């Protein structure tokens, strides 16, 4: 992964130059991967980093290094989801709150907010 990191995962997935594929590390797995397959074979483009992180989570039960998911947890039932960006996390929280009339905690890194039913 390039040293120019920000909160936009699409920017992290962008190549630093022609022919350079970004890389992803995982200290839990003690491994580093380049995203050449996601870029060249799967043609995911800017979403290659996000797709790799989601696939890694599905297969290993944890995210790679530097991935800080948005976590939406219902405060009343056991429903919850993790997302790699704010927009779908907030959409899930609002939809769940609206349909169930339950409040949902929405957290990212050290910040937490609550989405209440309208």
C-alpha atoms as a PDB file:
ATOM      1  CA  UNK A   1       0.000   0.000   0.000  1.00  0.00           C
ATOM      2  CA  UNK A   2       1.302   3.437  -0.746  1.00  0.00           C
ATOM      3  CA  UNK A   3       2.379   5.769   2.044  1.00  0.00           C
ATOM      4  CA  UNK A   4      -0.195   8.330   0.876  1.00  0.00           C
ATOM      5  CA  UNK A   5      -3.100   6.966   2.942  1.00  0.00           C
ATOM      6  CA  UNK A   6      -6.449   8.591   3.545  1.00  0.00           C
ATOM      7  CA  UNK A   7      -9.927   7.422   4.501  1.00  0.00           C
ATOM      8  CA  UNK A   8     -11.025   6.902   0.906  1.00  0.00           C
ATOM      9  CA  UNK A   9     -10.535   3.232   0.063  1.00  0.00           C
ATOM     10  CA  UNK A  10     -10.921   3.908  -3.673  1.00  0.00           C
ATOM     11  CA  UNK A  11      -7.875   6.180  -3.479  1.00  0.00           C
ATOM     12  CA  UNK A  12      -5.894   3.464  -1.700  1.00  0.00           C
ATOM     13  CA  UNK A  13      -6.685   1.020  -4.478  1.00  0.00           C
ATOM     14  CA  UNK A  14      -5.415   3.307  -7.225  1.00  0.00           C
ATOM     15  CA  UNK A  15      -2.085   2.401  -8.741  1.00  0.00           C
ATOM     16  CA  UNK A  16       0.852   4.655  -8.005  1.00  0.00           C
ATOM     17  CA  UNK A  17       2.044   4.321 -11.567  1.00  0.00           C
ATOM     18  CA  UNK A  18       1.613   2.404 -14.780  1.00  0.00           C
ATOM     19  CA  UNK A  19       2.169  -1.280 -14.134  1.00  0.00           C
ATOM     20  CA  UNK A  20       2.330  -0.840 -10.355  1.00  0.00           C
ATOM     21  CA  UNK A  21      -0.312  -2.768  -8.473  1.00  0.00           C
ATOM     22  CA  UNK A  22      -1.080  -1.707  -4.900  1.00  0.00           C
ATOM     23  CA  UNK A  23      -0.360  -4.176  -2.154  1.00  0.00           C
ATOM     24  CA  UNK A  24      -2.214  -5.246   0.976  1.00  0.00           C
ATOM     25  CA  UNK A  25      -0.626  -6.626   4.127  1.00  0.00           C
ATOM     26  CA  UNK A  26      -2.030  -8.662   6.974  1.00  0.00           C
ATOM     27  CA  UNK A  27       0.085  -9.093  10.087  1.00  0.00           C
ATOM     28  CA  UNK A  28      -2.314 -11.731  11.433  1.00  0.00           C
ATOM     29  CA  UNK A  29      -1.658 -13.887   8.347  1.00  0.00           C
ATOM     30  CA  UNK A  30       1.950 -12.660   8.109  1.00  0.00           C
ATOM     31  CA  UNK A  31       1.563 -12.123   4.377  1.00  0.00           C
ATOM     32  CA  UNK A  32       1.470  -9.398   1.738  1.00  0.00           C
ATOM     33  CA  UNK A  33      -0.503  -9.527  -1.514  1.00  0.00           C
ATOM     34  CA  UNK A  34      -0.426  -7.385  -4.622  1.00  0.00           C
ATOM     35  CA  UNK A  35      -3.762  -6.568  -6.176  1.00  0.00           C
ATOM     36  CA  UNK A  36      -2.633  -7.328  -9.739  1.00  0.00           C
ATOM     37  CA  UNK A  37      -5.171 -10.172 -10.039  1.00  0.00           C
ATOM     38  CA  UNK A  38      -8.039  -7.941  -8.900  1.00  0.00           C
ATOM     39  CA  UNK A  39      -6.954  -5.194 -11.288  1.00  0.00           C
ATOM     40  CA  UNK A  40      -5.987  -7.267 -14.340  1.00  0.00           C
ATOM     41  CA  UNK A  41      -8.110 -10.418 -14.251  1.00  0.00           C
ATOM     42  CA  UNK A  42     -11.192  -9.258 -12.348  1.00  0.00           C
ATOM     43  CA  UNK A  43     -10.980  -5.695 -13.742  1.00  0.00           C
ATOM     44  CA  UNK A  44     -12.206  -4.197 -10.467  1.00  0.00           C
ATOM     45  CA  UNK A  45     -10.285  -0.963 -10.899  1.00  0.00           C
ATOM     46  CA  UNK A  46     -10.705   1.434  -7.988  1.00  0.00           C
ATOM     47  CA  UNK A  47     -12.740  -1.110  -6.043  1.00  0.00           C
ATOM     48  CA  UNK A  48      -9.962  -3.720  -5.980  1.00  0.00           C
ATOM     49  CA  UNK A  49      -8.838  -2.835  -2.450  1.00  0.00           C
ATOM     50  CA  UNK A  50     -12.378  -2.939  -1.056  1.00  0.00           C
ATOM     51  CA  UNK A  51     -13.173  -6.249  -2.761  1.00  0.00           C
ATOM     52  CA  UNK A  52      -9.934  -7.825  -1.529  1.00  0.00           C
ATOM     53  CA  UNK A  53     -10.620  -6.651   2.042  1.00  0.00           C
ATOM     54  CA  UNK A  54     -14.174  -8.046   1.969  1.00  0.00           C
ATOM     55  CA  UNK A  55     -12.999 -11.364   0.517  1.00  0.00           C
ATOM     56  CA  UNK A  56     -10.213 -11.560   3.101  1.00  0.00           C
ATOM     57  CA  UNK A  57     -12.739 -11.028   5.901  1.00  0.00           C
ATOM     58  CA  UNK A  58     -15.062 -13.717   4.512  1.00  0.00           C
ATOM     59  CA  UNK A  59     -12.240 -16.262   4.280  1.00  0.00           C
ATOM     60  CA  UNK A  60     -10.263 -15.484   7.435  1.00  0.00           C
ATOM     61  CA  UNK A  61     -12.661 -13.767   9.836  1.00  0.00           C
ATOM     62  CA  UNK A  62     -10.559 -10.591  10.027  1.00  0.00           C
ATOM     63  CA  UNK A  63      -9.732  -7.611   7.845  1.00  0.00           C
ATOM     64  CA  UNK A  64      -6.253  -6.908   6.473  1.00  0.00           C
ATOM     65  CA  UNK A  65      -4.068  -4.231   8.074  1.00  0.00           C
ATOM     66  CA  UNK A  66      -5.202  -0.608   7.826  1.00  0.00           C
ATOM     67  CA  UNK A  67      -8.861  -1.538   7.235  1.00  0.00           C
ATOM     68  CA  UNK A  68     -11.115   0.143   9.756  1.00  0.00           C
ATOM     69  CA  UNK A  69     -14.701  -0.915   9.031  1.00  0.00           C
ATOM     70  CA  UNK A  70     -17.821   1.032   9.838  1.00  0.00           C
ATOM     71  CA  UNK A  71     -19.835  -1.126  12.247  1.00  0.00           C
ATOM     72  CA  UNK A  72     -23.616  -0.858  12.503  1.00  0.00           C
ATOM     73  CA  UNK A  73     -25.053  -2.689  15.526  1.00  0.00           C
ATOM     74  CA  UNK A  74     -28.677  -2.724  16.574  1.00  0.00           C
ATOM     75  CA  UNK A  75     -29.060  -1.779  20.235  1.00  0.00           C
ATOM     76  CA  UNK A  76     -32.080  -4.056  20.658  1.00  0.00           C
ATOM     77  CA  UNK A  77     -31.730  -7.161  18.477  1.00  0.00           C
ATOM     78  CA  UNK A  78     -28.712  -9.115  17.258  1.00  0.00           C
ATOM     79  CA  UNK A  79     -28.631  -7.561  13.806  1.00  0.00           C
ATOM     80  CA  UNK A  80     -25.483  -5.817  12.633  1.00  0.00           C
ATOM     81  CA  UNK A  81     -23.185  -5.385   9.657  1.00  0.00           C
ATOM     82  CA  UNK A  82     -19.683  -4.141   8.832  1.00  0.00           C
ATOM     83  CA  UNK A  83     -18.960  -1.878   5.883  1.00  0.00           C
ATOM     84  CA  UNK A  84     -15.819  -0.364   4.399  1.00  0.00           C
ATOM     85  CA  UNK A  85     -17.333   3.059   3.848  1.00  0.00           C
ATOM     86  CA  UNK A  86     -19.735   5.314   5.679  1.00  0.00           C
ATOM     87  CA  UNK A  87     -22.520   5.659   3.114  1.00  0.00           C
ATOM     88  CA  UNK A  88     -23.673   2.004   3.021  1.00  0.00           C
ATOM     89  CA  UNK A  89     -23.209   1.690   6.810  1.00  0.00           C
ATOM     90  CA  UNK A  90     -25.382   4.726   7.450  1.00  0.00           C
ATOM     91  CA  UNK A  91     -27.955   3.535   4.883  1.00  0.00           C
ATOM     92  CA  UNK A  92     -28.170   0.116   6.607  1.00  0.00           C
ATOM     93  CA  UNK A  93     -28.514   1.743  10.035  1.00  0.00           C
ATOM     94  CA  UNK A  94     -31.277   4.116   8.866  1.00  0.00           C
ATOM     95  CA  UNK A  95     -33.155   1.328   7.086  1.00  0.00           C
ATOM     96  CA  UNK A  96     -32.934  -1.017  10.067  1.00  0.00           C
ATOM     97  CA  UNK A  97     -34.043   1.730  12.456  1.00  0.00           C
ATOM     98  CA  UNK A  98     -36.948   2.689  10.207  1.00  0.00           C
ATOM     99  CA  UNK A  99     -38.216  -0.876   9.703  1.00  0.00           C
ATOM    100  CA  UNK A 100     -37.723  -2.209  13.243  1.00  0.00           C
ATOM    101  CA  UNK A 101     -38.099   0.996  15.297  1.00  0.00           C
ATOM    102  CA  UNK A 102     -34.758   0.074  16.964  1.00  0.00           C
ATOM    103  CA  UNK A 103     -31.833   2.430  17.567  1.00  0.00           C
ATOM    104  CA  UNK A 104     -28.582   1.474  15.846  1.00  0.00           C
ATOM    105  CA  UNK A 105     -25.036   2.276  16.988  1.00  0.00           C
ATOM    106  CA  UNK A 106     -22.804   3.333  14.130  1.00  0.00           C
ATOM    107  CA  UNK A 107     -19.104   3.275  14.951  1.00  0.00           C
ATOM    108  CA  UNK A 108     -15.866   3.844  13.096  1.00  0.00           C
ATOM    109  CA  UNK A 109     -12.507   3.700  14.827  1.00  0.00           C
ATOM    110  CA  UNK A 110     -12.996   5.628  18.111  1.00  0.00           C
ATOM    111  CA  UNK A 111     -16.203   7.475  17.173  1.00  0.00           C
ATOM    112  CA  UNK A 112     -19.749   6.243  17.753  1.00  0.00           C
ATOM    113  CA  UNK A 113     -23.069   7.793  16.835  1.00  0.00           C
ATOM    114  CA  UNK A 114     -26.621   6.553  17.207  1.00  0.00           C
ATOM    115  CA  UNK A 115     -29.221   6.351  14.461  1.00  0.00           C
ATOM    116  CA  UNK A 116     -32.666   6.541  16.053  1.00  0.00           C
ATOM    117  CA  UNK A 117     -35.941   5.547  14.388  1.00  0.00           C
ATOM    118  CA  UNK A 118     -37.777   8.481  12.863  1.00  0.00           C
END
